[in-house]
Amino acid sequence: MTIFELRSRIDVLDELILHLLNQRAAAAQQIGRLKKQERLEVQDPDREAGVLAHVVEQNQGPLTAEQVSVIFQHIIAGCRDLQR
């Protein structure tokens, strides 16, 4: 494969990732509304730790566990902001 072909593949994958991130964000917004109705705290450290543990466990590389954890910490933080 050429660099151009690989970069084109990355562009397609980036669009897919963006689509999935927005789906996740929409679900987080729905959770935020439910938490507000039930007067629950937005931040749930146990849930966040569980999400991180799960994605690290599911990771098959080439990203390291640390890299996956950092990426998902940012995703979780962004979705948490949306819940507010």
N, C-alpha and C. Protein backbone atom coordinates (compact mmCIF):
# COMPACT_ATOMS: atom_id res chain seq x y z
N MET A 1 0.83 -1.19 0.00
CA MET A 1 0.00 0.00 0.00
C MET A 1 0.88 1.25 0.00
N THR A 2 0.39 2.27 -0.65
CA THR A 2 1.13 3.52 -0.69
C THR A 2 0.75 4.40 0.51
N ILE A 3 1.56 5.42 0.74
CA ILE A 3 1.25 6.38 1.80
C ILE A 3 -0.10 7.03 1.54
N PHE A 4 -0.37 7.39 0.28
CA PHE A 4 -1.65 8.01 -0.06
C PHE A 4 -2.81 7.09 0.29
N GLU A 5 -2.70 5.82 -0.05
CA GLU A 5 -3.77 4.86 0.25
C GLU A 5 -3.95 4.68 1.75
N LEU A 6 -2.85 4.62 2.48
CA LEU A 6 -2.93 4.48 3.94
C LEU A 6 -3.55 5.73 4.58
N ARG A 7 -3.18 6.89 4.08
CA ARG A 7 -3.75 8.13 4.61
C ARG A 7 -5.24 8.22 4.29
N SER A 8 -5.63 7.76 3.13
CA SER A 8 -7.05 7.73 2.78
C SER A 8 -7.80 6.79 3.71
N ARG A 9 -7.20 5.66 4.02
CA ARG A 9 -7.81 4.71 4.96
C ARG A 9 -7.96 5.35 6.34
N ILE A 10 -6.93 6.06 6.77
CA ILE A 10 -6.99 6.75 8.07
C ILE A 10 -8.11 7.79 8.06
N ASP A 11 -8.28 8.52 6.97
CA ASP A 11 -9.37 9.51 6.88
C ASP A 11 -10.73 8.85 7.07
N VAL A 12 -10.93 7.71 6.43
CA VAL A 12 -12.20 6.98 6.56
C VAL A 12 -12.38 6.50 8.00
N LEU A 13 -11.33 5.97 8.59
CA LEU A 13 -11.39 5.49 9.98
C LEU A 13 -11.66 6.64 10.94
N ASP A 14 -11.04 7.81 10.69
CA ASP A 14 -11.29 8.98 11.54
C ASP A 14 -12.75 9.38 11.50
N GLU A 15 -13.36 9.33 10.33
CA GLU A 15 -14.78 9.66 10.22
C GLU A 15 -15.64 8.67 10.99
N LEU A 16 -15.28 7.40 10.93
CA LEU A 16 -16.01 6.38 11.68
C LEU A 16 -15.85 6.59 13.18
N ILE A 17 -14.63 6.87 13.62
CA ILE A 17 -14.39 7.15 15.04
C ILE A 17 -15.21 8.35 15.49
N LEU A 18 -15.22 9.41 14.67
CA LEU A 18 -15.99 10.60 15.01
C LEU A 18 -17.48 10.27 15.14
N HIS A 19 -18.00 9.49 14.21
CA HIS A 19 -19.41 9.09 14.25
C HIS A 19 -19.71 8.33 15.55
N LEU A 20 -18.85 7.39 15.90
CA LEU A 20 -19.05 6.60 17.12
C LEU A 20 -18.90 7.47 18.37
N LEU A 21 -17.96 8.39 18.37
CA LEU A 21 -17.80 9.29 19.52
C LEU A 21 -19.05 10.14 19.73
N ASN A 22 -19.64 10.60 18.63
CA ASN A 22 -20.85 11.40 18.76
C ASN A 22 -22.03 10.56 19.24
N GLN A 23 -22.08 9.30 18.86
CA GLN A 23 -23.11 8.40 19.39
C GLN A 23 -22.92 8.21 20.89
N ARG A 24 -21.67 8.04 21.30
CA ARG A 24 -21.37 7.88 22.73
C ARG A 24 -21.75 9.14 23.49
N ALA A 25 -21.43 10.29 22.91
CA ALA A 25 -21.74 11.57 23.55
C ALA A 25 -23.24 11.76 23.70
N ALA A 26 -24.01 11.37 22.70
CA ALA A 26 -25.46 11.48 22.78
C ALA A 26 -26.02 10.59 23.89
N ALA A 27 -25.48 9.40 24.02
CA ALA A 27 -25.90 8.51 25.12
C ALA A 27 -25.54 9.12 26.47
N ALA A 28 -24.35 9.73 26.55
CA ALA A 28 -23.94 10.38 27.80
C ALA A 28 -24.88 11.53 28.15
N GLN A 29 -25.31 12.28 27.15
CA GLN A 29 -26.27 13.37 27.41
C GLN A 29 -27.58 12.82 27.97
N GLN A 30 -28.03 11.71 27.43
CA GLN A 30 -29.26 11.09 27.93
C GLN A 30 -29.07 10.64 29.38
N ILE A 31 -27.92 10.06 29.67
CA ILE A 31 -27.62 9.66 31.05
C ILE A 31 -27.61 10.89 31.95
N GLY A 32 -27.03 11.98 31.47
CA GLY A 32 -26.99 13.22 32.25
C GLY A 32 -28.38 13.71 32.61
N ARG A 33 -29.29 13.63 31.65
CA ARG A 33 -30.67 14.04 31.94
C ARG A 33 -31.30 13.14 33.00
N LEU A 34 -31.06 11.84 32.91
CA LEU A 34 -31.60 10.91 33.91
C LEU A 34 -30.98 11.16 35.29
N LYS A 35 -29.68 11.41 35.32
CA LYS A 35 -29.02 11.70 36.59
C LYS A 35 -29.60 12.97 37.22
N LYS A 36 -29.88 13.96 36.40
CA LYS A 36 -30.46 15.21 36.91
C LYS A 36 -31.84 14.93 37.51
N GLN A 37 -32.66 14.16 36.80
CA GLN A 37 -33.99 13.82 37.30
C GLN A 37 -33.93 13.07 38.63
N GLU A 38 -32.95 12.18 38.73
CA GLU A 38 -32.81 11.34 39.92
C GLU A 38 -31.90 11.97 40.97
N ARG A 39 -31.46 13.18 40.70
CA ARG A 39 -30.56 13.93 41.60
C ARG A 39 -29.30 13.13 41.95
N LEU A 40 -28.69 12.56 40.92
CA LEU A 40 -27.45 11.82 41.09
C LEU A 40 -26.27 12.70 40.67
N GLU A 41 -25.13 12.42 41.23
CA GLU A 41 -23.91 13.13 40.86
C GLU A 41 -23.53 12.79 39.41
N VAL A 42 -23.00 13.76 38.70
CA VAL A 42 -22.56 13.52 37.33
C VAL A 42 -21.38 12.56 37.33
N GLN A 43 -20.39 12.83 38.15
CA GLN A 43 -19.20 11.99 38.16
C GLN A 43 -19.43 10.76 39.01
N ASP A 44 -19.11 9.60 38.42
CA ASP A 44 -19.22 8.31 39.09
C ASP A 44 -17.87 7.61 38.97
N PRO A 45 -16.97 7.84 39.94
CA PRO A 45 -15.61 7.30 39.85
C PRO A 45 -15.55 5.78 39.66
N ASP A 46 -16.45 5.05 40.30
CA ASP A 46 -16.44 3.59 40.15
C ASP A 46 -16.78 3.19 38.71
N ARG A 47 -17.78 3.86 38.13
CA ARG A 47 -18.15 3.57 36.74
C ARG A 47 -17.01 3.92 35.79
N GLU A 48 -16.41 5.09 36.02
CA GLU A 48 -15.31 5.50 35.15
C GLU A 48 -14.14 4.53 35.23
N ALA A 49 -13.82 4.08 36.43
CA ALA A 49 -12.74 3.10 36.59
C ALA A 49 -13.09 1.79 35.89
N GLY A 50 -14.36 1.41 35.96
CA GLY A 50 -14.80 0.19 35.29
C GLY A 50 -14.70 0.29 33.78
N VAL A 51 -15.06 1.46 33.24
CA VAL A 51 -14.95 1.67 31.79
C VAL A 51 -13.49 1.57 31.37
N LEU A 52 -12.61 2.23 32.11
CA LEU A 52 -11.18 2.18 31.77
C LEU A 52 -10.63 0.76 31.85
N ALA A 53 -10.99 0.05 32.91
CA ALA A 53 -10.52 -1.33 33.06
C ALA A 53 -11.02 -2.19 31.89
N HIS A 54 -12.27 -1.98 31.51
CA HIS A 54 -12.85 -2.77 30.42
C HIS A 54 -12.14 -2.53 29.10
N VAL A 55 -11.93 -1.25 28.73
CA VAL A 55 -11.30 -0.98 27.43
C VAL A 55 -9.84 -1.43 27.41
N VAL A 56 -9.16 -1.30 28.54
CA VAL A 56 -7.77 -1.78 28.60
C VAL A 56 -7.75 -3.30 28.45
N GLU A 57 -8.69 -3.97 29.08
CA GLU A 57 -8.77 -5.43 28.98
C GLU A 57 -9.08 -5.87 27.55
N GLN A 58 -9.92 -5.13 26.85
CA GLN A 58 -10.30 -5.47 25.49
C GLN A 58 -9.24 -5.11 24.45
N ASN A 59 -8.31 -4.27 24.81
CA ASN A 59 -7.29 -3.80 23.88
C ASN A 59 -6.42 -4.95 23.39
N GLN A 60 -6.25 -5.00 22.08
CA GLN A 60 -5.38 -6.01 21.48
C GLN A 60 -4.20 -5.38 20.74
N GLY A 61 -3.96 -4.09 20.97
CA GLY A 61 -2.82 -3.42 20.38
C GLY A 61 -3.07 -3.04 18.94
N PRO A 62 -2.19 -2.27 18.38
CA PRO A 62 -0.84 -1.96 18.84
C PRO A 62 -0.77 -0.85 19.90
N LEU A 63 -1.88 -0.19 20.21
CA LEU A 63 -1.83 0.80 21.30
C LEU A 63 -1.53 0.10 22.62
N THR A 64 -0.74 0.75 23.45
CA THR A 64 -0.46 0.19 24.77
C THR A 64 -1.66 0.41 25.69
N ALA A 65 -1.67 -0.29 26.80
CA ALA A 65 -2.72 -0.11 27.79
C ALA A 65 -2.75 1.34 28.28
N GLU A 66 -1.58 1.92 28.49
CA GLU A 66 -1.51 3.31 28.94
C GLU A 66 -2.10 4.26 27.90
N GLN A 67 -1.78 4.05 26.64
CA GLN A 67 -2.30 4.91 25.58
C GLN A 67 -3.83 4.82 25.50
N VAL A 68 -4.34 3.61 25.59
CA VAL A 68 -5.80 3.41 25.56
C VAL A 68 -6.44 4.10 26.76
N SER A 69 -5.83 3.95 27.91
CA SER A 69 -6.36 4.56 29.12
C SER A 69 -6.41 6.08 28.99
N VAL A 70 -5.35 6.68 28.49
CA VAL A 70 -5.31 8.14 28.32
C VAL A 70 -6.38 8.61 27.34
N ILE A 71 -6.50 7.92 26.22
CA ILE A 71 -7.51 8.29 25.21
C ILE A 71 -8.90 8.24 25.83
N PHE A 72 -9.20 7.15 26.55
CA PHE A 72 -10.53 7.02 27.12
C PHE A 72 -10.76 7.94 28.31
N GLN A 73 -9.72 8.33 29.01
CA GLN A 73 -9.89 9.33 30.06
C GLN A 73 -10.37 10.64 29.46
N HIS A 74 -9.84 10.99 28.30
CA HIS A 74 -10.28 12.21 27.61
C HIS A 74 -11.71 12.07 27.10
N ILE A 75 -12.04 10.93 26.56
CA ILE A 75 -13.41 10.70 26.08
C ILE A 75 -14.39 10.79 27.24
N ILE A 76 -14.06 10.14 28.35
CA ILE A 76 -14.93 10.17 29.53
C ILE A 76 -15.09 11.60 30.05
N ALA A 77 -14.00 12.33 30.11
CA ALA A 77 -14.06 13.72 30.61
C ALA A 77 -14.96 14.57 29.70
N GLY A 78 -14.85 14.41 28.40
CA GLY A 78 -15.69 15.17 27.48
C GLY A 78 -17.15 14.80 27.62
N CYS A 79 -17.42 13.52 27.77
CA CYS A 79 -18.81 13.10 27.95
C CYS A 79 -19.36 13.53 29.30
N ARG A 80 -18.52 13.52 30.31
CA ARG A 80 -18.94 14.00 31.63
C ARG A 80 -19.33 15.49 31.56
N ASP A 81 -18.54 16.26 30.82
CA ASP A 81 -18.88 17.68 30.63
C ASP A 81 -20.24 17.84 29.96
N LEU A 82 -20.54 16.98 29.00
CA LEU A 82 -21.84 17.04 28.34
C LEU A 82 -22.98 16.71 29.29
N GLN A 83 -22.71 15.86 30.25
CA GLN A 83 -23.76 15.49 31.22
C GLN A 83 -24.12 16.68 32.12
N ARG A 84 -23.20 17.58 32.29
CA ARG A 84 -23.46 18.75 33.12
C ARG A 84 -24.32 19.69 32.34
